[in-house]
Every structure is written in structure tokens, then in C-alpha cells.
N, C-alpha and C. Protein backbone atom coordinates (compact mmCIF):
# COMPACT_ATOMS: atom_id res chain seq x y z
N UNK A 1 0.84 -1.20 0.00
CA UNK A 1 0.00 0.00 0.00
C UNK A 1 0.87 1.24 0.00
N UNK A 2 0.27 2.37 -0.36
CA UNK A 2 0.97 3.65 -0.36
C UNK A 2 0.36 4.57 0.67
N UNK A 3 1.18 5.49 1.14
CA UNK A 3 0.65 6.58 1.96
C UNK A 3 -0.15 7.53 1.08
N UNK A 4 -1.11 8.24 1.67
CA UNK A 4 -1.77 9.28 0.89
C UNK A 4 -0.78 10.37 0.53
N UNK A 5 -0.96 11.00 -0.62
CA UNK A 5 -0.10 12.12 -0.97
C UNK A 5 -0.37 13.25 0.01
N UNK A 6 0.65 13.59 0.74
CA UNK A 6 0.47 14.48 1.89
C UNK A 6 1.72 15.32 2.05
N UNK A 7 1.54 16.50 2.61
CA UNK A 7 2.66 17.37 2.93
C UNK A 7 2.88 17.33 4.44
N UNK A 8 4.03 16.85 4.84
CA UNK A 8 4.34 16.68 6.25
C UNK A 8 5.22 17.83 6.73
N UNK A 9 4.86 18.35 7.90
CA UNK A 9 5.67 19.40 8.49
C UNK A 9 6.56 18.87 9.61
N UNK A 10 6.36 17.60 9.97
CA UNK A 10 7.17 17.02 11.05
C UNK A 10 7.31 15.52 10.84
N UNK A 11 8.51 15.01 11.08
CA UNK A 11 8.76 13.57 11.01
C UNK A 11 9.20 13.07 12.38
N UNK A 12 8.55 12.03 12.86
CA UNK A 12 8.97 11.32 14.06
C UNK A 12 9.80 10.12 13.61
N UNK A 13 10.99 10.02 14.13
CA UNK A 13 11.86 8.88 13.82
C UNK A 13 11.92 7.92 15.00
N UNK A 14 11.91 6.64 14.69
CA UNK A 14 12.37 5.65 15.65
C UNK A 14 13.90 5.66 15.58
N UNK A 15 14.56 5.21 16.64
CA UNK A 15 16.02 5.24 16.67
C UNK A 15 16.63 3.89 16.35
N UNK A 16 16.46 2.90 17.23
CA UNK A 16 17.10 1.59 17.06
C UNK A 16 16.53 0.86 15.85
N UNK A 17 17.40 0.53 14.93
CA UNK A 17 16.97 -0.17 13.73
C UNK A 17 16.64 0.76 12.59
N UNK A 18 15.94 1.85 12.88
CA UNK A 18 15.52 2.77 11.83
C UNK A 18 16.67 3.69 11.43
N UNK A 19 17.26 4.37 12.39
CA UNK A 19 18.40 5.24 12.12
C UNK A 19 19.72 4.59 12.51
N UNK A 20 19.69 3.74 13.54
CA UNK A 20 20.89 3.06 14.00
C UNK A 20 20.84 1.59 13.57
N UNK A 21 21.89 1.13 12.92
CA UNK A 21 21.97 -0.26 12.46
C UNK A 21 22.46 -1.13 13.60
N UNK A 22 21.54 -1.72 14.36
CA UNK A 22 21.95 -2.44 15.57
C UNK A 22 21.33 -3.81 15.75
N UNK A 23 20.61 -4.32 14.75
CA UNK A 23 19.97 -5.63 14.91
C UNK A 23 21.01 -6.72 15.17
N UNK A 24 22.15 -6.62 14.49
CA UNK A 24 23.21 -7.63 14.66
C UNK A 24 23.71 -7.67 16.09
N UNK A 25 23.85 -6.49 16.71
CA UNK A 25 24.33 -6.43 18.09
C UNK A 25 23.29 -6.98 19.06
N UNK A 26 22.03 -6.67 18.84
CA UNK A 26 20.97 -7.20 19.70
C UNK A 26 20.98 -8.72 19.70
N UNK A 27 21.20 -9.32 18.53
CA UNK A 27 21.26 -10.77 18.45
C UNK A 27 22.49 -11.33 19.16
N UNK A 28 23.63 -10.72 18.96
CA UNK A 28 24.86 -11.22 19.58
C UNK A 28 24.78 -11.14 21.11
N UNK A 29 24.28 -10.03 21.62
CA UNK A 29 24.17 -9.89 23.08
C UNK A 29 23.18 -10.91 23.63
N UNK A 30 22.04 -11.07 22.98
CA UNK A 30 21.06 -12.04 23.45
C UNK A 30 21.61 -13.45 23.39
N UNK A 31 22.34 -13.79 22.36
CA UNK A 31 22.89 -15.14 22.29
C UNK A 31 23.92 -15.39 23.40
N UNK A 32 24.63 -14.37 23.81
CA UNK A 32 25.51 -14.53 24.97
C UNK A 32 24.73 -14.85 26.22
N UNK A 33 23.60 -14.17 26.40
CA UNK A 33 22.74 -14.42 27.56
C UNK A 33 22.18 -15.84 27.51
N UNK A 34 21.73 -16.27 26.34
CA UNK A 34 21.17 -17.61 26.19
C UNK A 34 22.25 -18.67 26.44
N UNK A 35 23.43 -18.45 25.92
CA UNK A 35 24.52 -19.41 26.10
C UNK A 35 24.87 -19.59 27.57
N UNK A 36 24.89 -18.49 28.31
CA UNK A 36 25.23 -18.58 29.74
C UNK A 36 24.17 -19.35 30.53
N UNK A 37 23.00 -19.55 29.95
CA UNK A 37 21.93 -20.30 30.61
C UNK A 37 21.68 -21.64 29.94
N UNK A 38 22.55 -22.02 29.04
CA UNK A 38 22.41 -23.29 28.30
C UNK A 38 21.08 -23.38 27.57
N UNK A 39 20.65 -22.26 27.01
CA UNK A 39 19.43 -22.20 26.22
C UNK A 39 19.77 -22.17 24.74
N UNK A 40 18.82 -22.53 23.92
CA UNK A 40 19.05 -22.61 22.47
C UNK A 40 19.41 -21.25 21.90
N UNK A 41 20.42 -21.25 21.02
CA UNK A 41 20.85 -20.00 20.39
C UNK A 41 19.77 -19.47 19.45
N UNK A 42 19.80 -18.17 19.26
CA UNK A 42 18.83 -17.48 18.43
C UNK A 42 19.41 -17.29 17.03
N UNK A 43 18.71 -17.77 16.02
CA UNK A 43 19.14 -17.55 14.63
C UNK A 43 18.53 -16.25 14.11
N UNK A 44 19.11 -15.70 13.06
CA UNK A 44 18.57 -14.48 12.48
C UNK A 44 17.17 -14.72 11.94
N UNK A 45 16.93 -15.92 11.41
CA UNK A 45 15.59 -16.23 10.87
C UNK A 45 14.54 -16.24 11.97
N UNK A 46 14.88 -16.82 13.11
CA UNK A 46 13.92 -16.84 14.21
C UNK A 46 13.75 -15.46 14.84
N UNK A 47 14.87 -14.75 14.95
CA UNK A 47 14.82 -13.43 15.57
C UNK A 47 13.81 -12.52 14.88
N UNK A 48 13.86 -12.43 13.56
CA UNK A 48 12.98 -11.50 12.86
C UNK A 48 11.52 -11.94 12.90
N UNK A 49 11.27 -13.20 13.29
CA UNK A 49 9.89 -13.67 13.39
C UNK A 49 9.31 -13.52 14.79
N UNK A 50 10.15 -13.40 15.82
CA UNK A 50 9.61 -13.34 17.18
C UNK A 50 9.89 -12.03 17.90
N UNK A 51 10.85 -11.23 17.41
CA UNK A 51 11.16 -9.99 18.12
C UNK A 51 9.98 -9.03 18.07
N UNK A 52 9.71 -8.36 19.18
CA UNK A 52 8.63 -7.38 19.22
C UNK A 52 8.51 -6.74 20.59
N UNK A 53 7.47 -5.94 20.74
CA UNK A 53 7.20 -5.22 21.98
C UNK A 53 5.83 -5.62 22.50
N UNK A 54 5.66 -5.65 23.83
CA UNK A 54 6.69 -5.36 24.84
C UNK A 54 7.78 -6.42 24.85
N UNK A 55 8.98 -6.02 25.23
CA UNK A 55 10.14 -6.90 25.20
C UNK A 55 9.92 -8.14 26.07
N UNK A 56 9.16 -8.01 27.15
CA UNK A 56 8.90 -9.16 28.01
C UNK A 56 8.29 -10.30 27.21
N UNK A 57 7.37 -10.02 26.30
CA UNK A 57 6.75 -11.07 25.50
C UNK A 57 7.77 -11.76 24.59
N UNK A 58 8.69 -10.98 24.04
CA UNK A 58 9.77 -11.53 23.21
C UNK A 58 10.63 -12.47 24.03
N UNK A 59 10.96 -12.08 25.26
CA UNK A 59 11.77 -12.94 26.12
C UNK A 59 11.05 -14.25 26.44
N UNK A 60 9.75 -14.18 26.62
CA UNK A 60 8.98 -15.40 26.88
C UNK A 60 9.05 -16.34 25.68
N UNK A 61 8.99 -15.79 24.48
CA UNK A 61 9.09 -16.61 23.28
C UNK A 61 10.46 -17.27 23.16
N UNK A 62 11.48 -16.62 23.72
CA UNK A 62 12.82 -17.19 23.73
C UNK A 62 12.95 -18.36 24.70
N UNK A 63 11.98 -18.48 25.61
CA UNK A 63 12.00 -19.59 26.56
C UNK A 63 12.35 -19.23 27.98
N UNK A 64 12.47 -17.96 28.31
CA UNK A 64 12.77 -17.57 29.68
C UNK A 64 11.58 -17.88 30.59
N UNK A 65 11.88 -18.34 31.78
CA UNK A 65 10.86 -18.65 32.79
C UNK A 65 11.01 -17.62 33.91
N UNK A 66 10.10 -16.63 33.94
CA UNK A 66 10.24 -15.54 34.90
C UNK A 66 9.70 -15.89 36.28
N UNK A 67 9.26 -17.13 36.44
CA UNK A 67 8.96 -17.60 37.80
C UNK A 67 10.24 -18.08 38.48
N UNK A 68 11.29 -18.30 37.68
CA UNK A 68 12.57 -18.76 38.21
C UNK A 68 13.61 -17.65 38.24
N UNK A 69 13.51 -16.73 37.32
CA UNK A 69 14.46 -15.61 37.23
C UNK A 69 13.69 -14.37 36.80
N UNK A 70 13.77 -13.28 37.54
CA UNK A 70 12.97 -12.09 37.21
C UNK A 70 13.31 -11.52 35.83
N UNK A 71 12.30 -11.04 35.17
CA UNK A 71 12.48 -10.38 33.88
C UNK A 71 13.49 -9.24 33.99
N UNK A 72 13.39 -8.48 35.08
CA UNK A 72 14.27 -7.33 35.26
C UNK A 72 15.74 -7.74 35.28
N UNK A 73 16.05 -8.92 35.78
CA UNK A 73 17.43 -9.40 35.82
C UNK A 73 17.96 -9.63 34.41
N UNK A 74 17.16 -10.32 33.60
CA UNK A 74 17.58 -10.61 32.23
C UNK A 74 17.64 -9.33 31.40
N UNK A 75 16.65 -8.47 31.58
CA UNK A 75 16.60 -7.21 30.85
C UNK A 75 17.82 -6.35 31.17
N UNK A 76 18.17 -6.27 32.45
CA UNK A 76 19.32 -5.47 32.85
C UNK A 76 20.61 -6.06 32.30
N UNK A 77 20.69 -7.39 32.24
CA UNK A 77 21.88 -8.04 31.68
C UNK A 77 22.01 -7.71 30.19
N UNK A 78 20.89 -7.72 29.50
CA UNK A 78 20.93 -7.38 28.07
C UNK A 78 21.39 -5.93 27.87
N UNK A 79 20.81 -5.03 28.61
CA UNK A 79 21.16 -3.62 28.46
C UNK A 79 22.63 -3.39 28.77
N UNK A 80 23.14 -4.03 29.81
CA UNK A 80 24.56 -3.87 30.15
C UNK A 80 25.44 -4.38 29.01
N UNK A 81 25.09 -5.52 28.43
CA UNK A 81 25.86 -6.06 27.32
C UNK A 81 25.78 -5.19 26.08
N UNK A 82 24.59 -4.69 25.81
CA UNK A 82 24.38 -3.83 24.64
C UNK A 82 25.15 -2.52 24.79
N UNK A 83 25.01 -1.89 25.93
CA UNK A 83 25.65 -0.58 26.11
C UNK A 83 27.17 -0.68 26.13
N UNK A 84 27.70 -1.81 26.56
CA UNK A 84 29.16 -1.97 26.57
C UNK A 84 29.72 -2.06 25.16
N UNK A 85 28.86 -2.33 24.16
CA UNK A 85 29.32 -2.48 22.78
C UNK A 85 28.61 -1.55 21.81
N UNK A 86 27.76 -0.68 22.29
CA UNK A 86 26.95 0.12 21.35
C UNK A 86 27.79 1.04 20.48
N UNK A 87 28.98 1.35 20.91
CA UNK A 87 29.85 2.20 20.09
C UNK A 87 30.29 1.49 18.81
N UNK A 88 30.08 0.18 18.75
CA UNK A 88 30.43 -0.58 17.55
C UNK A 88 29.37 -0.44 16.46
N UNK A 89 28.21 0.08 16.81
CA UNK A 89 27.13 0.25 15.84
C UNK A 89 27.37 1.50 14.99
N UNK A 90 26.83 1.49 13.82
CA UNK A 90 26.93 2.64 12.93
C UNK A 90 25.53 3.09 12.53
N UNK A 91 25.45 4.30 12.01
CA UNK A 91 24.18 4.78 11.50
C UNK A 91 23.80 4.01 10.25
N UNK A 92 22.53 3.93 10.00
CA UNK A 92 22.04 3.33 8.77
C UNK A 92 22.57 4.14 7.58
N UNK A 93 22.96 3.47 6.53
CA UNK A 93 23.54 4.14 5.38
C UNK A 93 22.63 5.25 4.85
N UNK A 94 23.19 6.43 4.72
CA UNK A 94 22.45 7.56 4.18
C UNK A 94 21.60 8.32 5.17
N UNK A 95 21.52 7.83 6.42
CA UNK A 95 20.61 8.46 7.37
C UNK A 95 21.07 9.85 7.79
N UNK A 96 22.37 10.04 8.01
CA UNK A 96 22.86 11.36 8.43
C UNK A 96 22.60 12.40 7.35
N UNK A 97 22.85 12.02 6.10
CA UNK A 97 22.62 12.95 4.99
C UNK A 97 21.14 13.26 4.83
N UNK A 98 20.31 12.24 5.02
CA UNK A 98 18.87 12.46 4.91
C UNK A 98 18.35 13.39 6.00
N UNK A 99 18.82 13.17 7.22
CA UNK A 99 18.39 14.03 8.33
C UNK A 99 18.81 15.48 8.08
N UNK A 100 20.02 15.67 7.55
CA UNK A 100 20.50 17.01 7.24
C UNK A 100 19.64 17.65 6.16
N UNK A 101 19.32 16.88 5.13
CA UNK A 101 18.52 17.41 4.02
C UNK A 101 17.14 17.84 4.50
N UNK A 102 16.51 17.00 5.30
CA UNK A 102 15.18 17.33 5.82
C UNK A 102 15.25 18.54 6.75
N UNK A 103 16.30 18.61 7.54
CA UNK A 103 16.50 19.76 8.42
C UNK A 103 16.62 21.04 7.61
N UNK A 104 17.38 21.00 6.52
CA UNK A 104 17.55 22.18 5.67
C UNK A 104 16.25 22.57 4.97
N UNK A 105 15.34 21.62 4.79
CA UNK A 105 14.04 21.92 4.19
C UNK A 105 13.11 22.64 5.16
N UNK A 106 13.52 22.70 6.42
CA UNK A 106 12.70 23.37 7.43
C UNK A 106 11.63 22.49 8.03
N UNK A 107 11.76 21.20 7.86
CA UNK A 107 10.79 20.25 8.40
C UNK A 107 11.25 19.80 9.78
N UNK A 108 10.35 19.83 10.74
CA UNK A 108 10.69 19.43 12.10
C UNK A 108 10.96 17.94 12.20
N UNK A 109 11.86 17.55 13.11
CA UNK A 109 12.17 16.15 13.32
C UNK A 109 12.32 15.88 14.81
N UNK A 110 11.79 14.73 15.23
CA UNK A 110 11.92 14.29 16.61
C UNK A 110 12.18 12.80 16.62
N UNK A 111 12.68 12.30 17.74
CA UNK A 111 12.83 10.86 17.93
C UNK A 111 11.93 10.42 19.07
N UNK A 112 11.21 9.33 18.85
CA UNK A 112 10.46 8.67 19.91
C UNK A 112 10.96 7.23 19.95
N UNK A 113 11.53 6.84 21.08
CA UNK A 113 12.27 5.58 21.14
C UNK A 113 11.94 4.80 22.40
N UNK A 114 12.08 3.48 22.29
CA UNK A 114 11.95 2.62 23.46
C UNK A 114 13.26 2.50 24.21
N UNK A 115 14.29 3.22 23.77
CA UNK A 115 15.55 3.26 24.49
C UNK A 115 15.42 4.14 25.73
N UNK A 116 16.29 3.90 26.69
CA UNK A 116 16.31 4.75 27.88
C UNK A 116 16.75 6.15 27.48
N UNK A 117 16.17 7.17 28.11
CA UNK A 117 16.37 8.55 27.71
C UNK A 117 17.85 8.95 27.69
N UNK A 118 18.59 8.61 28.73
CA UNK A 118 19.99 9.05 28.77
C UNK A 118 20.83 8.37 27.69
N UNK A 119 20.52 7.10 27.39
CA UNK A 119 21.24 6.43 26.31
C UNK A 119 20.92 7.10 24.98
N UNK A 120 19.66 7.40 24.76
CA UNK A 120 19.25 8.03 23.51
C UNK A 120 19.98 9.36 23.31
N UNK A 121 20.02 10.17 24.34
CA UNK A 121 20.70 11.46 24.24
C UNK A 121 22.19 11.29 23.95
N UNK A 122 22.83 10.35 24.64
CA UNK A 122 24.26 10.11 24.43
C UNK A 122 24.53 9.61 23.01
N UNK A 123 23.68 8.71 22.52
CA UNK A 123 23.90 8.13 21.20
C UNK A 123 23.73 9.17 20.10
N UNK A 124 22.71 9.98 20.21
CA UNK A 124 22.48 11.02 19.21
C UNK A 124 23.62 12.03 19.21
N UNK A 125 24.09 12.38 20.38
CA UNK A 125 25.23 13.30 20.50
C UNK A 125 26.49 12.67 19.91
N UNK A 126 26.69 11.39 20.16
CA UNK A 126 27.86 10.68 19.66
C UNK A 126 27.98 10.77 18.14
N UNK A 127 26.85 10.69 17.46
CA UNK A 127 26.85 10.74 16.00
C UNK A 127 26.72 12.15 15.44
N UNK A 128 26.75 13.15 16.32
CA UNK A 128 26.69 14.54 15.88
C UNK A 128 25.37 14.95 15.29
N UNK A 129 24.28 14.36 15.80
CA UNK A 129 22.95 14.60 15.22
C UNK A 129 22.04 15.44 16.10
N UNK A 130 22.51 15.86 17.25
CA UNK A 130 21.63 16.54 18.20
C UNK A 130 20.94 17.75 17.60
N UNK A 131 21.63 18.48 16.74
CA UNK A 131 21.05 19.68 16.15
C UNK A 131 19.99 19.43 15.11
N UNK A 132 19.78 18.16 14.76
CA UNK A 132 18.78 17.84 13.73
C UNK A 132 17.39 17.67 14.31
N UNK A 133 17.29 17.51 15.64
CA UNK A 133 16.01 17.14 16.24
C UNK A 133 15.49 18.21 17.19
N UNK A 134 14.19 18.41 17.13
CA UNK A 134 13.54 19.33 18.07
C UNK A 134 13.40 18.70 19.44
N UNK A 135 13.24 17.39 19.49
CA UNK A 135 13.13 16.72 20.79
C UNK A 135 13.54 15.27 20.67
N UNK A 136 14.08 14.73 21.77
CA UNK A 136 14.44 13.33 21.90
C UNK A 136 13.60 12.75 23.03
N UNK A 137 12.88 11.68 22.76
CA UNK A 137 11.92 11.17 23.72
C UNK A 137 12.11 9.67 23.92
N UNK A 138 12.68 9.31 25.08
CA UNK A 138 12.91 7.91 25.41
C UNK A 138 12.21 7.54 26.70
N UNK A 139 12.49 6.32 27.16
CA UNK A 139 11.88 5.80 28.39
C UNK A 139 12.70 6.22 29.61
N UNK A 140 12.05 6.17 30.78
CA UNK A 140 12.76 6.48 32.02
C UNK A 140 13.31 5.21 32.68
N UNK A 141 13.24 4.08 31.94
CA UNK A 141 13.82 2.83 32.42
C UNK A 141 14.30 2.05 31.20
N UNK A 142 14.93 0.87 31.42
CA UNK A 142 15.47 0.14 30.29
C UNK A 142 14.73 -1.16 29.99
N UNK A 143 13.45 -1.24 30.37
CA UNK A 143 12.73 -2.49 30.19
C UNK A 143 11.85 -2.51 28.93
N UNK A 144 11.85 -1.42 28.16
CA UNK A 144 11.26 -1.37 26.81
C UNK A 144 9.83 -1.92 26.76
N UNK A 145 8.98 -1.40 27.63
CA UNK A 145 7.59 -1.84 27.61
C UNK A 145 6.84 -1.33 26.38
N UNK A 146 7.25 -0.19 25.84
CA UNK A 146 6.58 0.39 24.68
C UNK A 146 6.64 1.90 24.74
N UNK A 147 6.19 2.53 23.63
CA UNK A 147 6.35 3.98 23.55
C UNK A 147 5.08 4.74 23.18
N UNK A 148 3.92 4.08 23.27
CA UNK A 148 2.67 4.78 22.95
C UNK A 148 2.47 5.95 23.90
N UNK A 149 2.71 5.73 25.18
CA UNK A 149 2.54 6.80 26.16
C UNK A 149 3.46 7.97 25.89
N UNK A 150 4.71 7.67 25.52
CA UNK A 150 5.66 8.74 25.18
C UNK A 150 5.15 9.54 24.00
N UNK A 151 4.65 8.85 22.99
CA UNK A 151 4.16 9.52 21.78
C UNK A 151 2.95 10.40 22.09
N UNK A 152 2.07 9.93 22.93
CA UNK A 152 0.89 10.74 23.29
C UNK A 152 1.30 12.00 24.04
N UNK A 153 2.26 11.85 24.95
CA UNK A 153 2.74 13.03 25.69
C UNK A 153 3.41 14.01 24.73
N UNK A 154 4.21 13.50 23.80
CA UNK A 154 4.89 14.36 22.83
C UNK A 154 3.88 15.12 21.99
N UNK A 155 2.88 14.42 21.48
CA UNK A 155 1.89 15.06 20.62
C UNK A 155 1.12 16.14 21.37
N UNK A 156 0.81 15.90 22.63
CA UNK A 156 0.06 16.89 23.41
C UNK A 156 0.86 18.17 23.60
N UNK A 157 2.19 18.06 23.56
CA UNK A 157 3.04 19.22 23.80
C UNK A 157 3.52 19.91 22.53
N UNK A 158 3.53 19.18 21.40
CA UNK A 158 4.21 19.73 20.22
C UNK A 158 3.36 20.74 19.45
N UNK A 159 2.04 20.64 19.53
CA UNK A 159 1.18 21.61 18.86
C UNK A 159 1.07 21.43 17.36
N UNK A 160 1.54 20.31 16.80
CA UNK A 160 1.45 20.07 15.37
C UNK A 160 0.23 19.24 15.04
N UNK A 161 -0.45 19.57 13.95
CA UNK A 161 -1.61 18.81 13.50
C UNK A 161 -1.16 17.39 13.17
N UNK A 162 -1.78 16.35 13.74
CA UNK A 162 -1.40 14.97 13.43
C UNK A 162 -1.43 14.66 11.93
N UNK A 163 -2.29 15.36 11.18
CA UNK A 163 -2.36 15.12 9.74
C UNK A 163 -1.09 15.55 9.02
N UNK A 164 -0.24 16.34 9.69
CA UNK A 164 1.00 16.82 9.08
C UNK A 164 2.23 16.08 9.60
N UNK A 165 2.01 14.95 10.30
CA UNK A 165 3.11 14.22 10.92
C UNK A 165 3.25 12.84 10.29
N UNK A 166 4.49 12.45 10.03
CA UNK A 166 4.81 11.12 9.55
C UNK A 166 5.74 10.45 10.55
N UNK A 167 5.42 9.23 10.94
CA UNK A 167 6.28 8.45 11.81
C UNK A 167 6.99 7.40 10.96
N UNK A 168 8.30 7.32 11.08
CA UNK A 168 9.10 6.36 10.33
C UNK A 168 9.75 5.39 11.31
N UNK A 169 9.47 4.10 11.13
CA UNK A 169 10.01 3.10 12.03
C UNK A 169 10.30 1.80 11.32
N UNK A 170 10.61 0.77 12.12
CA UNK A 170 11.00 -0.51 11.52
C UNK A 170 10.32 -1.70 12.17
N UNK A 171 9.34 -1.47 13.05
CA UNK A 171 8.64 -2.58 13.70
C UNK A 171 7.14 -2.32 13.72
N UNK A 172 6.39 -3.37 13.97
CA UNK A 172 4.95 -3.24 14.08
C UNK A 172 4.56 -2.34 15.25
N UNK A 173 5.42 -2.26 16.26
CA UNK A 173 5.12 -1.36 17.38
C UNK A 173 5.17 0.09 16.94
N UNK A 174 6.03 0.41 15.97
CA UNK A 174 6.03 1.77 15.43
C UNK A 174 4.71 2.08 14.76
N UNK A 175 4.18 1.11 14.01
CA UNK A 175 2.87 1.31 13.39
C UNK A 175 1.79 1.46 14.45
N UNK A 176 1.82 0.62 15.48
CA UNK A 176 0.85 0.73 16.56
C UNK A 176 0.93 2.10 17.23
N UNK A 177 2.13 2.60 17.41
CA UNK A 177 2.33 3.92 18.02
C UNK A 177 1.74 5.02 17.14
N UNK A 178 2.01 4.94 15.84
CA UNK A 178 1.46 5.93 14.90
C UNK A 178 -0.06 5.90 14.92
N UNK A 179 -0.63 4.72 14.90
CA UNK A 179 -2.09 4.60 14.91
C UNK A 179 -2.69 5.14 16.21
N UNK A 180 -1.98 4.95 17.32
CA UNK A 180 -2.48 5.40 18.61
C UNK A 180 -2.58 6.91 18.69
N UNK A 181 -1.70 7.63 17.96
CA UNK A 181 -1.75 9.09 18.01
C UNK A 181 -2.30 9.70 16.71
N UNK A 182 -2.75 8.86 15.79
CA UNK A 182 -3.44 9.35 14.60
C UNK A 182 -2.56 9.99 13.56
N UNK A 183 -1.32 9.45 13.37
CA UNK A 183 -0.42 10.00 12.36
C UNK A 183 -0.10 8.92 11.33
N UNK A 184 0.35 9.35 10.15
CA UNK A 184 0.77 8.41 9.11
C UNK A 184 2.05 7.70 9.53
N UNK A 185 2.28 6.54 8.91
CA UNK A 185 3.45 5.75 9.24
C UNK A 185 4.05 5.13 7.99
N UNK A 186 5.36 5.06 7.94
CA UNK A 186 6.09 4.32 6.92
C UNK A 186 7.10 3.44 7.64
N UNK A 187 7.30 2.22 7.13
CA UNK A 187 8.20 1.27 7.76
C UNK A 187 9.35 0.92 6.82
N UNK A 188 10.48 0.54 7.41
CA UNK A 188 11.59 0.01 6.64
C UNK A 188 11.99 -1.33 7.25
N UNK A 189 12.64 -2.18 6.45
CA UNK A 189 13.16 -3.44 6.95
C UNK A 189 14.54 -3.19 7.53
N UNK A 190 14.76 -3.60 8.78
CA UNK A 190 16.03 -3.32 9.45
C UNK A 190 16.69 -4.57 10.02
N UNK A 191 16.12 -5.74 9.78
CA UNK A 191 16.57 -7.01 10.35
C UNK A 191 16.13 -7.21 11.79
N UNK A 192 15.22 -6.36 12.29
CA UNK A 192 14.60 -6.60 13.59
C UNK A 192 13.30 -7.38 13.44
N UNK A 193 12.55 -7.15 12.38
CA UNK A 193 11.34 -7.92 12.10
C UNK A 193 11.31 -8.24 10.61
N UNK A 194 10.70 -9.37 10.27
CA UNK A 194 10.73 -9.85 8.89
C UNK A 194 9.88 -8.99 7.96
N UNK A 195 10.24 -9.01 6.70
CA UNK A 195 9.48 -8.28 5.69
C UNK A 195 8.04 -8.77 5.65
N UNK A 196 7.84 -10.08 5.80
CA UNK A 196 6.48 -10.61 5.74
C UNK A 196 5.61 -10.07 6.88
N UNK A 197 6.20 -9.90 8.06
CA UNK A 197 5.44 -9.33 9.17
C UNK A 197 5.12 -7.86 8.90
N UNK A 198 6.08 -7.13 8.37
CA UNK A 198 5.90 -5.71 8.15
C UNK A 198 4.94 -5.40 7.00
N UNK A 199 4.82 -6.30 6.04
CA UNK A 199 3.95 -6.04 4.88
C UNK A 199 2.52 -6.51 5.10
N UNK A 200 2.21 -7.00 6.28
CA UNK A 200 0.85 -7.45 6.54
C UNK A 200 0.01 -6.38 7.22
N UNK A 201 0.58 -5.23 7.45
CA UNK A 201 -0.13 -4.16 8.15
C UNK A 201 -0.32 -2.94 7.26
N UNK A 202 -1.10 -1.99 7.77
CA UNK A 202 -1.52 -0.83 6.98
C UNK A 202 -0.49 0.29 6.98
N UNK A 203 0.68 0.02 6.42
CA UNK A 203 1.70 1.04 6.25
C UNK A 203 2.62 0.61 5.12
N UNK A 204 3.10 1.54 4.30
CA UNK A 204 4.02 1.17 3.23
C UNK A 204 5.35 0.71 3.78
N UNK A 205 5.97 -0.26 3.12
CA UNK A 205 7.29 -0.73 3.47
C UNK A 205 8.27 -0.16 2.46
N UNK A 206 9.12 0.75 2.90
CA UNK A 206 10.06 1.42 2.02
C UNK A 206 11.31 0.57 1.80
N UNK A 207 11.89 0.68 0.63
CA UNK A 207 13.11 -0.05 0.34
C UNK A 207 14.33 0.55 1.00
N UNK A 208 14.27 1.85 1.30
CA UNK A 208 15.38 2.55 1.94
C UNK A 208 14.84 3.84 2.55
N UNK A 209 15.63 4.44 3.42
CA UNK A 209 15.22 5.71 4.01
C UNK A 209 15.09 6.79 2.95
N UNK A 210 15.93 6.73 1.92
CA UNK A 210 15.90 7.75 0.88
C UNK A 210 14.57 7.82 0.15
N UNK A 211 13.80 6.73 0.20
CA UNK A 211 12.50 6.73 -0.47
C UNK A 211 11.53 7.72 0.17
N UNK A 212 11.85 8.16 1.38
CA UNK A 212 11.01 9.19 2.00
C UNK A 212 11.00 10.44 1.13
N UNK A 213 12.10 10.70 0.45
CA UNK A 213 12.18 11.85 -0.45
C UNK A 213 11.76 11.50 -1.87
N UNK A 214 12.11 10.31 -2.33
CA UNK A 214 11.92 9.99 -3.73
C UNK A 214 10.56 9.39 -4.06
N UNK A 215 9.92 8.77 -3.08
CA UNK A 215 8.64 8.13 -3.36
C UNK A 215 7.57 9.16 -3.69
N UNK A 216 6.78 8.86 -4.71
CA UNK A 216 5.69 9.78 -5.10
C UNK A 216 4.60 9.81 -4.04
N UNK A 217 4.62 8.81 -3.15
CA UNK A 217 3.61 8.79 -2.09
C UNK A 217 3.93 9.73 -0.96
N UNK A 218 5.16 10.22 -0.92
CA UNK A 218 5.57 11.09 0.16
C UNK A 218 5.94 12.46 -0.36
N UNK A 219 5.26 13.45 0.12
CA UNK A 219 5.57 14.83 -0.30
C UNK A 219 5.93 15.63 0.93
N UNK A 220 7.19 16.07 1.00
CA UNK A 220 7.65 16.85 2.14
C UNK A 220 7.72 18.32 1.75
N UNK A 221 7.23 19.18 2.61
CA UNK A 221 7.29 20.61 2.32
C UNK A 221 7.43 21.39 3.60
N UNK A 222 7.77 22.66 3.43
CA UNK A 222 7.85 23.53 4.61
C UNK A 222 6.46 23.72 5.19
């Protein structure tokens, strides 16, 4: 499907997967956790079919028994492993140039992420992107329950007509978030969820971030 031809004055970006190429790291860190518990390793094929939000449900699909070990323990172990290596991740190809181009067009940009707020701020600063965004909106904890509430709070404060907002993400939760606040959504494949999962919902699946500019379905203007 295509988005309606629309002029957007603001773009909400997801961070992990959408702008930051980190699916490979998420898998490696999780496989370390599974190995330390003598649990079955996670393949890339299985990962893209079961990963999702809330993260607790994804962990249950992996086989964790939270009656024996608290979810918070496993979640904290994952975050510690991820953050110790996050500097190894790079931006998605072309994302920095795209953000700069959209910024120069005078279109507002924000990030709404399931990452912890302080990590999000540090990561964006690390890549020299802080000046591209009007706001950075993450969670106040690292358990990744979801971001619908964050998005609703952001929308209530931003003063922009939802009809002029596009949310760009890489998971079905991004689509759910967009639908919850009444904005358009476009998805990309990032190796966090399979193409088949992403193409079964009511949002276009873009071949690359650059299609936000080149696709006839997307019209960006001041």
C-alpha cells in the first residue's frame, strides 16, 4: 500500500533499527545471555519472526521462565551487554545525509524511542545529530515496555496537527504507536522484524530511508 499524498511538516523517527543499524548487536548480546543459561541459540531467521514489543513477550518466546528468574534481571543483563558495545554500531547508510537534508528543508524532526532517555541522548550526540532534532523522547527505564505513552505526551506538547506528521520506524510497534496518536506511518526493513510481518499491516514498506524523499507517495514541504 501507499501513503496518501500528503505534505508533512514534522517527522517522528524511531532510533534503534531505523536510524541506527543495531539488529546484529541485539542478536549477539542475546545469544551470549542464552549461552550462559544453556538455552538454544537465536538464529537471524527466528529473531525477525519473534522480536517485538513489549520486550517481556519476546523474552517469553525465547523460553525464559520468569517464575525462576525475574524479567528485570535478564533485561538489565541485556542492556549492560548492549551498552558496553553500542559504540560498535553505525548509523544506517544515508541516514545522516537524509536528516540534514530534511533539516535544511525546514521540516521538524523528533525521535520517539523505546531506548532509555539518557542512552538516547548520548547516542544522538555521539553521532553529531543533536542539532537535527527538536526533541528526543525515550523511556525512564530500560525495560522497553513500549512507547505509545511517550508519543501521546509528545503530541500533546508539540502543537502540530497529526495530519502533518509522519512516523518512520521498523517494527509493528512503530505502526501501533502511529495509529495510537493518529499520524501516518512508513516502515523500513532493518533485520529486527521480517518483511512478511511488516507487509501485513496498513503502512508502506520502504526499500530505503531515501524513499522518504523519492517516493511519489511522500511529499515533504515547509
